[in-house]
N, C-alpha and C. Protein backbone atom coordinates (compact mmCIF):
# COMPACT_ATOMS: atom_id res chain seq x y z
N MET A 1 -7.70 -12.19 -0.24
CA MET A 1 -6.55 -12.39 -1.01
C MET A 1 -6.70 -13.80 -1.75
N SER A 2 -6.42 -13.90 -2.91
CA SER A 2 -6.50 -15.18 -3.55
C SER A 2 -5.52 -16.22 -3.02
N LYS A 3 -5.84 -17.39 -3.38
CA LYS A 3 -5.10 -18.67 -3.08
C LYS A 3 -3.75 -18.50 -3.56
N LYS A 4 -3.64 -18.13 -4.75
CA LYS A 4 -2.35 -17.81 -5.37
C LYS A 4 -1.37 -16.63 -4.58
N GLN A 5 -2.16 -15.87 -4.10
CA GLN A 5 -1.49 -14.70 -3.36
C GLN A 5 -0.95 -15.12 -1.99
N SER A 6 -1.72 -16.09 -1.34
CA SER A 6 -1.50 -16.42 -0.18
C SER A 6 -0.42 -17.56 -0.06
N GLN A 7 -0.06 -18.03 -1.04
CA GLN A 7 1.12 -19.02 -1.11
C GLN A 7 2.57 -18.16 -1.02
N PHE A 8 3.47 -18.85 -0.44
CA PHE A 8 4.78 -18.14 -0.33
C PHE A 8 5.61 -18.61 -1.58
N ILE A 9 6.41 -17.69 -1.96
CA ILE A 9 7.14 -17.79 -3.19
C ILE A 9 8.76 -18.05 -2.50
N PRO A 10 9.15 -19.29 -3.20
CA PRO A 10 10.61 -19.67 -2.57
C PRO A 10 11.53 -18.68 -2.82
N ALA A 11 12.76 -18.63 -2.13
CA ALA A 11 13.52 -17.59 -2.01
C ALA A 11 14.14 -17.39 -3.34
N LEU A 12 14.32 -18.27 -4.36
CA LEU A 12 14.83 -18.00 -5.71
C LEU A 12 13.70 -18.37 -6.81
N ARG A 13 12.47 -18.29 -6.21
CA ARG A 13 11.22 -18.37 -6.96
C ARG A 13 10.74 -19.83 -7.14
N TYR A 14 11.94 -20.67 -7.42
CA TYR A 14 11.65 -22.17 -7.71
C TYR A 14 12.40 -22.91 -6.58
N ASP A 15 11.50 -23.84 -6.04
CA ASP A 15 11.76 -24.66 -4.86
C ASP A 15 13.32 -25.28 -5.06
N GLY A 16 13.50 -25.81 -6.26
CA GLY A 16 14.87 -26.60 -6.41
C GLY A 16 15.97 -25.81 -6.40
N LEU A 17 15.77 -24.41 -6.41
CA LEU A 17 17.12 -23.54 -6.34
C LEU A 17 17.24 -22.98 -4.96
N THR A 18 16.45 -23.39 -3.89
CA THR A 18 16.60 -22.83 -2.48
C THR A 18 18.06 -23.02 -2.14
N ARG A 19 18.69 -24.21 -2.41
CA ARG A 19 20.01 -24.52 -1.77
C ARG A 19 21.03 -23.57 -2.34
N LEU A 20 20.77 -22.86 -3.48
CA LEU A 20 21.61 -21.97 -4.12
C LEU A 20 21.53 -20.68 -3.49
N TYR A 21 20.77 -20.25 -2.69
CA TYR A 21 20.45 -18.93 -2.28
C TYR A 21 21.52 -18.43 -1.53
N ASP A 22 22.09 -18.96 -0.56
CA ASP A 22 22.99 -18.35 0.38
C ASP A 22 24.41 -17.83 -0.47
N PRO A 23 24.83 -18.87 -1.27
CA PRO A 23 26.20 -18.43 -2.04
C PRO A 23 25.73 -17.39 -3.29
N LEU A 24 24.55 -17.53 -3.77
CA LEU A 24 24.22 -16.45 -4.76
C LEU A 24 23.98 -15.13 -4.36
N ILE A 25 23.29 -15.10 -3.14
CA ILE A 25 23.21 -13.78 -2.53
C ILE A 25 24.41 -13.17 -2.05
N ARG A 26 25.23 -14.04 -1.39
CA ARG A 26 26.62 -13.57 -0.90
C ARG A 26 27.34 -13.06 -1.89
N LEU A 27 27.43 -13.67 -3.11
CA LEU A 27 28.33 -13.21 -4.23
C LEU A 27 27.81 -12.10 -5.19
N THR A 28 26.46 -11.86 -5.11
CA THR A 28 25.96 -10.78 -6.10
C THR A 28 25.34 -9.57 -5.50
N THR A 29 25.07 -9.54 -4.19
CA THR A 29 24.21 -8.41 -3.74
C THR A 29 25.34 -7.51 -2.55
N ARG A 30 26.45 -7.83 -2.40
CA ARG A 30 27.17 -7.27 -1.42
C ARG A 30 26.55 -7.65 -0.04
N GLU A 31 26.05 -8.56 0.13
CA GLU A 31 25.27 -9.12 1.30
C GLU A 31 25.77 -8.45 2.66
N THR A 32 26.96 -8.86 2.73
CA THR A 32 27.47 -8.66 4.22
C THR A 32 27.61 -7.15 4.42
N ALA A 33 27.99 -6.26 3.27
CA ALA A 33 28.03 -4.84 3.46
C ALA A 33 26.77 -4.33 3.88
N PHE A 34 25.59 -4.51 2.96
CA PHE A 34 24.41 -3.98 3.17
C PHE A 34 23.60 -4.42 4.34
N LYS A 35 23.88 -5.53 4.86
CA LYS A 35 23.17 -6.03 5.96
C LYS A 35 23.93 -5.54 7.22
N ARG A 36 25.02 -5.48 7.37
CA ARG A 36 25.90 -4.76 8.46
C ARG A 36 25.32 -3.26 8.49
N ARG A 37 25.28 -2.55 7.25
CA ARG A 37 24.94 -1.14 7.44
C ARG A 37 23.44 -1.11 7.85
N LEU A 38 22.61 -1.94 7.48
CA LEU A 38 21.22 -1.93 7.95
C LEU A 38 21.07 -2.02 9.47
N VAL A 39 21.87 -3.00 10.18
CA VAL A 39 21.72 -3.22 11.43
C VAL A 39 22.39 -2.12 12.15
N GLU A 40 23.48 -1.50 11.75
CA GLU A 40 24.19 -0.28 12.30
C GLU A 40 23.19 0.85 12.39
N ILE A 41 22.54 1.14 11.39
CA ILE A 41 21.75 2.41 11.42
C ILE A 41 20.37 2.08 12.12
N ALA A 42 20.12 0.92 12.49
CA ALA A 42 18.86 0.46 13.24
C ALA A 42 18.99 0.79 14.66
N TYR A 43 20.18 1.02 15.28
CA TYR A 43 20.50 1.16 16.56
C TYR A 43 19.66 0.24 17.57
N VAL A 44 19.93 -1.21 17.12
CA VAL A 44 19.25 -2.06 18.16
C VAL A 44 19.96 -2.05 19.42
N GLN A 45 19.35 -2.06 20.52
CA GLN A 45 19.79 -2.16 21.78
C GLN A 45 19.54 -3.58 22.44
N SER A 46 20.15 -3.90 23.67
CA SER A 46 20.34 -5.18 23.98
C SER A 46 19.00 -5.69 24.64
N ASN A 47 18.16 -4.76 25.01
CA ASN A 47 16.92 -5.01 25.55
C ASN A 47 15.76 -5.14 24.56
N HIS A 48 16.23 -5.13 23.24
CA HIS A 48 15.07 -4.94 22.21
C HIS A 48 14.71 -6.46 21.89
N ARG A 49 13.41 -6.42 21.40
CA ARG A 49 12.91 -7.61 20.73
C ARG A 49 12.81 -7.35 19.19
N VAL A 50 13.36 -8.21 18.42
CA VAL A 50 13.76 -7.91 17.12
C VAL A 50 12.82 -9.16 16.11
N LEU A 51 12.29 -8.53 15.24
CA LEU A 51 11.67 -9.55 14.17
C LEU A 51 12.51 -9.45 12.73
N ASP A 52 12.77 -10.56 12.37
CA ASP A 52 13.43 -10.65 10.77
C ASP A 52 12.19 -11.01 9.97
N LEU A 53 11.54 -10.40 9.26
CA LEU A 53 10.33 -10.41 8.54
C LEU A 53 10.76 -11.33 7.12
N GLY A 54 10.38 -12.51 6.94
CA GLY A 54 10.70 -13.27 5.74
C GLY A 54 12.11 -13.61 5.93
N CYS A 55 12.49 -14.20 7.03
CA CYS A 55 13.93 -14.39 7.51
C CYS A 55 14.74 -15.27 6.59
N GLY A 56 14.10 -16.01 5.74
CA GLY A 56 14.83 -16.78 4.83
C GLY A 56 15.67 -17.92 5.49
N THR A 57 16.97 -17.99 5.15
CA THR A 57 17.97 -18.78 5.80
C THR A 57 18.54 -18.34 6.97
N GLY A 58 18.11 -17.22 7.64
CA GLY A 58 18.64 -16.82 8.95
C GLY A 58 19.79 -15.99 8.99
N THR A 59 20.41 -15.39 7.75
CA THR A 59 21.52 -14.67 7.84
C THR A 59 21.35 -13.39 8.65
N LEU A 60 20.47 -12.66 8.35
CA LEU A 60 20.24 -11.20 8.97
C LEU A 60 20.08 -11.51 10.52
N ALA A 61 19.00 -12.56 10.68
CA ALA A 61 18.88 -12.64 12.20
C ALA A 61 19.99 -13.12 13.13
N LEU A 62 20.83 -14.07 12.52
CA LEU A 62 22.07 -14.34 13.20
C LEU A 62 23.04 -13.14 13.27
N LEU A 63 23.04 -12.45 12.29
CA LEU A 63 24.09 -11.30 12.50
C LEU A 63 23.55 -10.38 13.34
N ILE A 64 22.12 -10.07 13.61
CA ILE A 64 21.79 -9.35 14.62
C ILE A 64 22.02 -9.93 15.91
N GLN A 65 21.93 -11.20 16.09
CA GLN A 65 22.12 -11.89 17.36
C GLN A 65 23.61 -11.71 17.88
N ARG A 66 24.32 -12.11 16.83
CA ARG A 66 25.94 -12.17 17.02
C ARG A 66 26.38 -10.66 17.47
N THR A 67 26.06 -9.66 16.69
CA THR A 67 26.71 -8.45 16.81
C THR A 67 26.13 -7.42 18.03
N GLN A 68 24.66 -7.69 17.99
CA GLN A 68 23.97 -6.68 19.02
C GLN A 68 23.73 -7.30 20.46
N ALA A 69 23.91 -8.66 20.64
CA ALA A 69 23.64 -9.36 21.84
C ALA A 69 22.28 -8.87 22.14
N VAL A 70 21.45 -9.25 21.31
CA VAL A 70 19.92 -8.93 21.68
C VAL A 70 19.38 -9.96 22.41
N ALA A 71 18.50 -9.90 23.35
CA ALA A 71 17.89 -11.03 24.23
C ALA A 71 17.10 -11.79 23.33
N GLU A 72 16.21 -11.32 22.28
CA GLU A 72 15.37 -12.17 21.56
C GLU A 72 15.60 -11.92 20.21
N VAL A 73 15.82 -12.62 19.21
CA VAL A 73 15.48 -12.35 17.93
C VAL A 73 14.65 -13.38 17.24
N PHE A 74 13.52 -13.02 16.53
CA PHE A 74 12.48 -13.95 16.03
C PHE A 74 12.75 -13.80 14.57
N GLY A 75 12.55 -14.74 13.92
CA GLY A 75 12.35 -14.91 12.45
C GLY A 75 11.18 -15.54 11.99
N VAL A 76 10.50 -15.20 10.96
CA VAL A 76 9.31 -15.64 10.45
C VAL A 76 9.42 -15.88 8.93
N ASP A 77 8.80 -16.97 8.42
CA ASP A 77 9.01 -17.23 7.03
C ASP A 77 7.86 -18.18 6.75
N GLY A 78 7.36 -18.24 5.50
CA GLY A 78 6.34 -19.26 5.00
C GLY A 78 6.82 -20.42 4.36
N ASP A 79 8.07 -20.46 4.25
CA ASP A 79 8.98 -21.63 3.58
C ASP A 79 9.63 -22.49 4.29
N PRO A 80 8.95 -23.68 4.65
CA PRO A 80 9.61 -24.64 5.84
C PRO A 80 10.92 -24.94 5.28
N LYS A 81 11.36 -24.94 4.11
CA LYS A 81 12.77 -25.48 3.61
C LYS A 81 13.72 -24.47 4.11
N VAL A 82 13.58 -23.03 4.09
CA VAL A 82 14.59 -22.00 4.32
C VAL A 82 14.50 -22.05 5.89
N LEU A 83 13.43 -22.35 6.57
CA LEU A 83 13.33 -22.20 8.06
C LEU A 83 14.29 -23.36 8.64
N LYS A 84 14.21 -24.60 7.81
CA LYS A 84 15.09 -25.75 8.41
C LYS A 84 16.62 -25.15 8.25
N ILE A 85 16.80 -24.54 6.90
CA ILE A 85 18.30 -24.09 6.91
C ILE A 85 18.62 -23.09 8.13
N ALA A 86 17.68 -22.25 8.24
CA ALA A 86 18.10 -21.24 9.34
C ALA A 86 18.26 -21.82 10.63
N GLN A 87 17.39 -22.93 10.89
CA GLN A 87 17.59 -23.49 12.20
C GLN A 87 18.83 -24.21 12.32
N ASP A 88 19.29 -24.98 11.29
CA ASP A 88 20.45 -25.45 11.35
C ASP A 88 21.84 -24.72 11.55
N LYS A 89 21.67 -23.44 10.77
CA LYS A 89 22.67 -22.59 11.02
C LYS A 89 22.64 -21.99 12.27
N ALA A 90 21.57 -21.78 13.04
CA ALA A 90 21.53 -21.26 14.32
C ALA A 90 22.17 -22.23 15.23
N ILE A 91 21.85 -23.48 15.20
CA ILE A 91 22.19 -24.60 16.11
C ILE A 91 23.97 -24.60 15.89
N ASN A 92 24.26 -24.58 14.59
CA ASN A 92 25.68 -24.74 14.40
C ASN A 92 26.49 -23.53 14.79
N SER A 93 26.07 -22.30 14.87
CA SER A 93 26.59 -21.18 15.33
C SER A 93 26.54 -21.04 16.96
N GLY A 94 25.62 -21.88 17.45
CA GLY A 94 25.28 -21.55 18.89
C GLY A 94 24.48 -20.32 19.24
N SER A 95 23.90 -19.61 18.34
CA SER A 95 23.21 -18.53 18.63
C SER A 95 21.57 -18.82 18.34
N PRO A 96 20.85 -18.71 19.56
CA PRO A 96 19.57 -19.12 19.44
C PRO A 96 18.78 -18.06 18.66
N LEU A 97 17.74 -18.64 17.77
CA LEU A 97 16.72 -17.79 17.08
C LEU A 97 15.48 -18.53 17.47
N LEU A 98 14.37 -17.55 17.51
CA LEU A 98 13.07 -17.88 17.79
C LEU A 98 12.46 -17.95 16.45
N LEU A 99 12.22 -19.07 15.73
CA LEU A 99 11.72 -19.09 14.30
C LEU A 99 10.34 -19.60 14.24
N ASN A 100 9.49 -18.88 13.47
CA ASN A 100 8.13 -19.38 13.35
C ASN A 100 7.72 -19.45 11.78
N ALA A 101 6.89 -20.50 11.55
CA ALA A 101 6.32 -20.49 10.06
C ALA A 101 5.11 -19.57 10.07
N GLY A 102 4.94 -18.92 9.18
CA GLY A 102 3.95 -17.76 8.89
C GLY A 102 4.03 -17.04 7.74
N MET A 103 2.96 -16.46 7.23
CA MET A 103 3.11 -15.63 6.12
C MET A 103 3.15 -14.11 6.68
N VAL A 104 3.98 -13.44 5.89
CA VAL A 104 4.29 -12.14 6.42
C VAL A 104 3.22 -11.09 6.56
N PHE A 105 1.97 -11.40 5.65
CA PHE A 105 0.92 -10.45 5.75
C PHE A 105 -0.10 -11.23 6.67
N GLU A 106 0.10 -12.11 7.46
CA GLU A 106 -0.73 -12.66 8.47
C GLU A 106 0.10 -13.13 9.72
N LEU A 107 0.88 -12.13 10.37
CA LEU A 107 1.93 -12.49 11.28
C LEU A 107 1.42 -13.11 12.61
N PRO A 108 1.93 -14.21 12.96
CA PRO A 108 1.61 -14.83 14.14
C PRO A 108 1.92 -14.24 15.56
N TYR A 109 1.98 -13.06 15.70
CA TYR A 109 2.37 -12.19 16.89
C TYR A 109 1.37 -11.24 17.25
N ALA A 110 1.37 -11.13 18.56
CA ALA A 110 0.33 -10.04 19.26
C ALA A 110 0.83 -8.63 18.82
N PRO A 111 -0.10 -7.62 19.01
CA PRO A 111 0.26 -6.38 18.69
C PRO A 111 1.19 -5.72 19.68
N ASN A 112 1.99 -4.70 19.16
CA ASN A 112 3.03 -4.22 19.89
C ASN A 112 4.30 -4.97 20.44
N ARG A 113 4.53 -5.94 19.74
CA ARG A 113 5.42 -6.93 20.42
C ARG A 113 6.90 -6.60 20.26
N PHE A 114 7.18 -5.94 19.09
CA PHE A 114 8.66 -5.76 18.66
C PHE A 114 9.20 -4.36 18.66
N ASP A 115 10.37 -4.18 19.04
CA ASP A 115 10.99 -2.91 18.85
C ASP A 115 11.62 -2.54 17.70
N ARG A 116 11.95 -3.64 16.89
CA ARG A 116 12.49 -3.40 15.57
C ARG A 116 11.99 -4.57 14.66
N VAL A 117 11.69 -4.26 13.47
CA VAL A 117 11.25 -5.16 12.52
C VAL A 117 12.25 -5.11 11.07
N PHE A 118 12.94 -6.07 10.81
CA PHE A 118 13.69 -6.10 9.62
C PHE A 118 13.09 -6.70 8.58
N SER A 119 13.54 -6.25 7.34
CA SER A 119 13.18 -7.06 6.03
C SER A 119 14.15 -6.76 4.97
N THR A 120 14.65 -7.86 4.47
CA THR A 120 15.97 -7.54 3.46
C THR A 120 15.40 -8.66 2.20
N LEU A 121 15.35 -8.08 1.17
CA LEU A 121 15.02 -8.72 -0.25
C LEU A 121 13.76 -9.62 -0.06
N LEU A 122 12.67 -8.98 0.62
CA LEU A 122 11.37 -9.62 0.88
C LEU A 122 10.42 -8.94 -0.10
N PHE A 123 10.15 -7.75 -0.13
CA PHE A 123 9.02 -6.99 -0.70
C PHE A 123 8.78 -7.17 -2.19
N HIS A 124 10.13 -7.38 -2.79
CA HIS A 124 10.00 -7.59 -4.29
C HIS A 124 9.30 -8.87 -4.82
N HIS A 125 9.20 -9.64 -3.64
CA HIS A 125 8.50 -11.12 -3.92
C HIS A 125 7.09 -10.86 -3.84
N LEU A 126 6.59 -9.89 -3.39
CA LEU A 126 5.01 -9.73 -2.98
C LEU A 126 4.19 -8.93 -4.01
N THR A 127 2.97 -9.12 -4.24
CA THR A 127 2.19 -8.49 -4.99
C THR A 127 1.90 -7.09 -4.31
N GLN A 128 1.39 -6.11 -5.05
CA GLN A 128 1.15 -4.88 -4.30
C GLN A 128 0.12 -5.15 -3.39
N GLU A 129 -0.98 -5.78 -3.24
CA GLU A 129 -1.69 -6.04 -2.23
C GLU A 129 -1.11 -6.74 -1.04
N ALA A 130 -0.11 -7.67 -1.24
CA ALA A 130 0.50 -8.47 -0.18
C ALA A 130 1.53 -7.47 0.55
N LYS A 131 2.14 -6.53 -0.42
CA LYS A 131 3.04 -5.49 0.24
C LYS A 131 2.20 -4.73 1.25
N GLN A 132 1.10 -4.13 0.84
CA GLN A 132 0.42 -3.23 1.59
C GLN A 132 -0.15 -4.09 2.86
N ARG A 133 -0.52 -5.35 2.86
CA ARG A 133 -0.96 -6.11 4.01
C ARG A 133 0.12 -6.35 4.95
N THR A 134 1.19 -6.63 4.29
CA THR A 134 2.35 -6.87 4.99
C THR A 134 2.92 -5.53 5.88
N LEU A 135 2.93 -4.50 5.19
CA LEU A 135 3.15 -3.12 5.89
C LEU A 135 2.27 -3.01 7.03
N GLN A 136 1.01 -3.10 6.87
CA GLN A 136 -0.06 -2.86 7.87
C GLN A 136 0.28 -3.94 9.06
N GLU A 137 0.49 -5.32 8.83
CA GLU A 137 0.82 -6.17 9.76
C GLU A 137 2.01 -5.82 10.56
N THR A 138 3.07 -5.27 9.95
CA THR A 138 4.23 -4.94 10.50
C THR A 138 4.07 -3.65 11.50
N LEU A 139 3.13 -2.68 10.89
CA LEU A 139 2.72 -1.73 12.00
C LEU A 139 2.09 -2.18 13.12
N ARG A 140 1.24 -3.09 12.87
CA ARG A 140 0.49 -3.80 14.31
C ARG A 140 1.41 -4.37 15.31
N VAL A 141 2.35 -5.33 14.94
CA VAL A 141 3.27 -5.96 15.84
C VAL A 141 4.45 -5.06 16.39
N LEU A 142 4.62 -3.73 15.63
CA LEU A 142 5.71 -2.95 16.10
C LEU A 142 5.23 -2.36 17.52
N GLN A 143 5.94 -1.90 18.46
CA GLN A 143 5.64 -1.07 19.47
C GLN A 143 5.59 0.40 19.08
N PRO A 144 4.76 1.25 19.53
CA PRO A 144 4.80 2.62 19.18
C PRO A 144 6.26 3.16 19.45
N GLY A 145 6.58 3.79 18.35
CA GLY A 145 7.97 4.54 18.43
C GLY A 145 9.12 3.39 17.89
N GLY A 146 8.46 2.06 17.50
CA GLY A 146 9.43 1.12 16.96
C GLY A 146 9.67 1.33 15.51
N GLN A 147 10.69 0.67 15.01
CA GLN A 147 11.19 1.08 13.64
C GLN A 147 11.30 -0.30 12.69
N LEU A 148 10.80 0.10 11.56
CA LEU A 148 10.82 -0.94 10.37
C LEU A 148 12.16 -0.55 9.53
N CYS A 149 12.94 -1.52 9.56
CA CYS A 149 14.27 -1.45 8.71
C CYS A 149 14.34 -2.32 7.45
N VAL A 150 14.23 -1.68 6.40
CA VAL A 150 14.16 -2.39 5.05
C VAL A 150 15.38 -2.16 4.23
N ALA A 151 15.74 -3.35 3.43
CA ALA A 151 16.70 -3.31 2.36
C ALA A 151 16.03 -4.12 1.27
N ASP A 152 15.86 -3.47 0.10
CA ASP A 152 15.24 -4.28 -1.13
C ASP A 152 15.72 -3.36 -2.30
N TRP A 153 15.32 -4.21 -3.42
CA TRP A 153 15.43 -3.57 -4.71
C TRP A 153 14.74 -2.26 -4.84
N GLY A 154 15.27 -1.16 -5.49
CA GLY A 154 14.73 0.08 -5.46
C GLY A 154 14.96 0.80 -6.97
N LYS A 155 14.45 1.84 -7.11
CA LYS A 155 14.91 2.51 -8.16
C LYS A 155 16.33 2.45 -8.72
N PRO A 156 16.58 1.98 -10.03
CA PRO A 156 17.93 1.89 -10.25
C PRO A 156 18.64 3.22 -10.42
N ALA A 157 20.07 3.13 -9.87
CA ALA A 157 20.84 4.35 -9.69
C ALA A 157 21.32 5.02 -11.06
N ASN A 158 21.19 4.06 -12.10
CA ASN A 158 21.65 4.49 -13.45
C ASN A 158 21.28 3.39 -14.43
N ARG A 159 21.71 3.61 -15.80
CA ARG A 159 21.20 2.85 -16.82
C ARG A 159 21.62 1.34 -16.82
N LEU A 160 23.02 1.10 -16.28
CA LEU A 160 23.42 -0.17 -16.07
C LEU A 160 22.58 -0.97 -15.05
N MET A 161 22.44 -0.45 -13.90
CA MET A 161 21.64 -0.94 -12.92
C MET A 161 20.26 -1.23 -13.41
N ARG A 162 19.59 -0.38 -14.17
CA ARG A 162 18.29 -0.81 -14.73
C ARG A 162 18.51 -2.16 -15.73
N ILE A 163 19.50 -2.00 -16.42
CA ILE A 163 19.65 -3.36 -17.39
C ILE A 163 19.84 -4.52 -16.35
N LEU A 164 20.68 -4.53 -15.53
CA LEU A 164 20.79 -5.62 -14.47
C LEU A 164 19.83 -6.06 -13.80
N PHE A 165 18.83 -5.13 -13.44
CA PHE A 165 17.62 -5.47 -12.75
C PHE A 165 16.70 -6.33 -13.39
N PHE A 166 16.74 -6.35 -14.99
CA PHE A 166 15.99 -7.17 -15.82
C PHE A 166 16.27 -8.68 -15.31
N LEU A 167 17.35 -9.01 -14.90
CA LEU A 167 17.67 -10.58 -14.39
C LEU A 167 16.96 -10.80 -13.14
N VAL A 168 16.58 -9.85 -12.15
CA VAL A 168 15.83 -10.15 -11.02
C VAL A 168 14.26 -10.04 -11.48
N GLN A 169 13.91 -9.31 -12.41
CA GLN A 169 12.50 -9.39 -12.95
C GLN A 169 12.25 -10.47 -13.60
N MET A 170 13.28 -11.21 -14.52
CA MET A 170 13.10 -12.29 -15.21
C MET A 170 12.80 -13.46 -14.25
N LEU A 171 13.42 -13.48 -13.11
CA LEU A 171 13.38 -14.64 -12.01
C LEU A 171 12.28 -14.38 -11.14
N ASP A 172 12.13 -13.21 -10.61
CA ASP A 172 11.00 -12.99 -9.55
C ASP A 172 9.65 -12.72 -10.20
N GLY A 173 9.64 -12.25 -11.32
CA GLY A 173 8.37 -11.71 -12.01
C GLY A 173 8.22 -10.37 -11.95
N PHE A 174 7.69 -9.75 -13.22
CA PHE A 174 7.60 -8.38 -13.39
C PHE A 174 6.37 -7.84 -12.63
N THR A 175 5.43 -8.52 -12.28
CA THR A 175 4.25 -7.92 -11.56
C THR A 175 4.74 -7.61 -10.10
N THR A 176 5.48 -8.49 -9.44
CA THR A 176 5.78 -8.07 -8.10
C THR A 176 6.99 -7.23 -7.94
N THR A 177 7.89 -7.08 -9.09
CA THR A 177 8.91 -6.16 -8.78
C THR A 177 8.83 -4.77 -9.49
N THR A 178 7.73 -4.52 -10.04
CA THR A 178 7.59 -3.13 -10.45
C THR A 178 7.44 -2.12 -9.67
N ASP A 179 6.85 -2.41 -8.43
CA ASP A 179 6.79 -1.31 -7.44
C ASP A 179 7.95 -0.87 -6.96
N ASN A 180 8.95 -1.99 -6.86
CA ASN A 180 10.40 -1.58 -6.51
C ASN A 180 11.13 -0.79 -7.56
N LEU A 181 10.83 -1.12 -8.69
CA LEU A 181 11.48 -0.54 -9.80
C LEU A 181 11.12 1.01 -9.76
N ASN A 182 9.87 1.02 -9.62
CA ASN A 182 9.45 2.53 -9.54
C ASN A 182 9.82 3.56 -8.36
N GLY A 183 10.48 2.70 -7.32
CA GLY A 183 10.83 3.35 -6.08
C GLY A 183 9.42 3.82 -5.36
N LEU A 184 8.49 2.84 -5.12
CA LEU A 184 7.17 3.10 -4.57
C LEU A 184 7.27 2.61 -3.15
N LEU A 185 8.18 1.80 -2.87
CA LEU A 185 8.06 1.43 -1.26
C LEU A 185 7.98 2.41 -0.28
N PRO A 186 8.79 3.46 -0.42
CA PRO A 186 8.58 4.62 0.65
C PRO A 186 7.19 5.27 0.76
N THR A 187 6.67 5.42 -0.29
CA THR A 187 5.24 5.90 -0.55
C THR A 187 4.18 4.88 0.16
N MET A 188 4.24 3.59 -0.08
CA MET A 188 3.66 2.53 0.48
C MET A 188 3.79 2.49 2.02
N MET A 189 4.91 2.78 2.48
CA MET A 189 5.09 2.83 3.83
C MET A 189 4.25 3.99 4.50
N HIS A 190 4.35 5.13 4.05
CA HIS A 190 3.52 6.26 4.25
C HIS A 190 2.23 6.05 4.29
N ASP A 191 1.61 5.39 3.29
CA ASP A 191 0.36 4.97 3.19
C ASP A 191 -0.36 3.99 4.40
N ALA A 192 0.68 3.28 4.75
CA ALA A 192 0.29 2.26 5.66
C ALA A 192 0.36 2.82 7.15
N GLY A 193 0.78 3.89 7.32
CA GLY A 193 0.76 4.70 8.48
C GLY A 193 2.12 4.94 9.16
N PHE A 194 3.11 4.68 8.58
CA PHE A 194 4.46 4.98 9.12
C PHE A 194 4.76 6.43 8.96
N THR A 195 5.70 6.82 9.74
CA THR A 195 6.11 8.22 9.79
C THR A 195 7.70 8.21 9.67
N GLU A 196 8.41 9.23 9.24
CA GLU A 196 9.73 9.49 9.45
C GLU A 196 10.32 8.47 8.24
N VAL A 197 9.61 8.20 7.23
CA VAL A 197 10.24 7.45 6.18
C VAL A 197 11.29 7.99 5.50
N ARG A 198 12.32 7.37 5.39
CA ARG A 198 13.57 8.05 4.72
C ARG A 198 14.44 6.94 4.28
N GLU A 199 14.95 7.22 3.11
CA GLU A 199 16.26 6.42 2.68
C GLU A 199 17.50 7.04 3.26
N VAL A 200 18.38 5.69 3.64
CA VAL A 200 19.26 5.91 4.45
C VAL A 200 20.69 5.39 3.81
N GLY A 201 20.54 5.04 2.56
CA GLY A 201 21.71 4.54 1.76
C GLY A 201 21.32 3.51 0.70
N HIS A 202 22.19 3.38 -0.29
CA HIS A 202 21.92 2.49 -1.32
C HIS A 202 23.31 1.80 -1.79
N PHE A 203 23.05 0.62 -2.45
CA PHE A 203 24.18 -0.25 -2.96
C PHE A 203 23.97 -0.69 -4.24
N ASN A 204 24.96 -0.42 -5.17
CA ASN A 204 24.74 -0.88 -6.39
C ASN A 204 25.47 -2.34 -6.61
N THR A 205 24.75 -3.31 -7.15
CA THR A 205 25.18 -4.58 -7.05
C THR A 205 24.98 -5.25 -8.50
N LEU A 206 25.44 -6.48 -8.50
CA LEU A 206 25.48 -7.21 -9.91
C LEU A 206 23.94 -7.32 -10.40
N PHE A 207 22.73 -7.05 -9.47
CA PHE A 207 21.49 -7.41 -9.81
C PHE A 207 20.72 -6.16 -9.94
N GLY A 208 21.37 -4.87 -9.48
CA GLY A 208 20.90 -3.63 -9.60
C GLY A 208 21.02 -2.85 -8.34
N THR A 209 20.12 -1.96 -7.89
CA THR A 209 20.24 -0.99 -7.00
C THR A 209 19.48 -1.45 -5.69
N LEU A 210 20.20 -1.73 -4.54
CA LEU A 210 19.32 -1.93 -3.37
C LEU A 210 19.32 -0.77 -2.60
N ARG A 211 18.16 -0.42 -2.03
CA ARG A 211 18.02 0.75 -1.25
C ARG A 211 17.57 0.44 0.18
N LEU A 212 18.24 1.14 1.10
CA LEU A 212 17.80 0.96 2.45
C LEU A 212 16.93 2.09 2.93
N HIS A 213 15.96 1.65 3.82
CA HIS A 213 14.84 2.71 4.25
C HIS A 213 14.52 2.35 5.76
N LEU A 214 14.38 3.17 6.46
CA LEU A 214 13.92 3.24 7.96
C LEU A 214 12.58 3.95 7.91
N ALA A 215 11.67 3.47 8.89
CA ALA A 215 10.29 3.97 9.14
C ALA A 215 9.94 3.77 10.43
N VAL A 216 9.02 4.57 11.04
CA VAL A 216 8.74 4.61 12.45
C VAL A 216 7.27 4.47 12.65
N LYS A 217 6.79 3.55 13.62
CA LYS A 217 5.50 3.63 14.10
C LYS A 217 5.18 4.73 15.06
N PRO A 218 4.08 5.60 14.79
CA PRO A 218 3.82 6.60 15.45
C PRO A 218 3.47 6.37 17.07
N LEU A 219 4.05 7.36 17.82
CA LEU A 219 3.66 7.09 19.12
C LEU A 219 2.24 7.19 19.75
């Protein structure tokens, strides 16, 4: 992987916009609704070990910790600024998170470590090669029978959603977002070795259509 591909992309592509990430996502993506739905359909159990892949500012990880009473919730991200925000939010909420710095395509975890891996609004930041490597790494760290739970931009539900998605492409880049636009994430999950790949819902937002997918690591 090239040096350019190995560098993380800030949450809103430009480092100076990181502080705006939480309010922007909350206001434009129906964040509370789609993240709650993703957690509900994942059937997280109290004894599960959970990883939030590309955890950003920790919103999803804290939601899982708060609503599922999970013993261990980990978060990994390559951006030290968002990890600091996530850590501060965890301290202020009194919900412990186990946060690690690392690239999602080179995860700092042993094989078969997690029961659930979540990813929200991550894959559209990655090149196709990085998407493939990230899915392979996710498969490696999941336990057999463990589940990948993804919410990300997908094929637009209608013409308006397609027009709105241009805003995402202009900000995050056409190269990394085209796979999402063409609805290729499920195929890439299959190709990485996941089974039972299925879409479990979608949300139309001010930036386009978010699609929710589940996939299972074979036993």
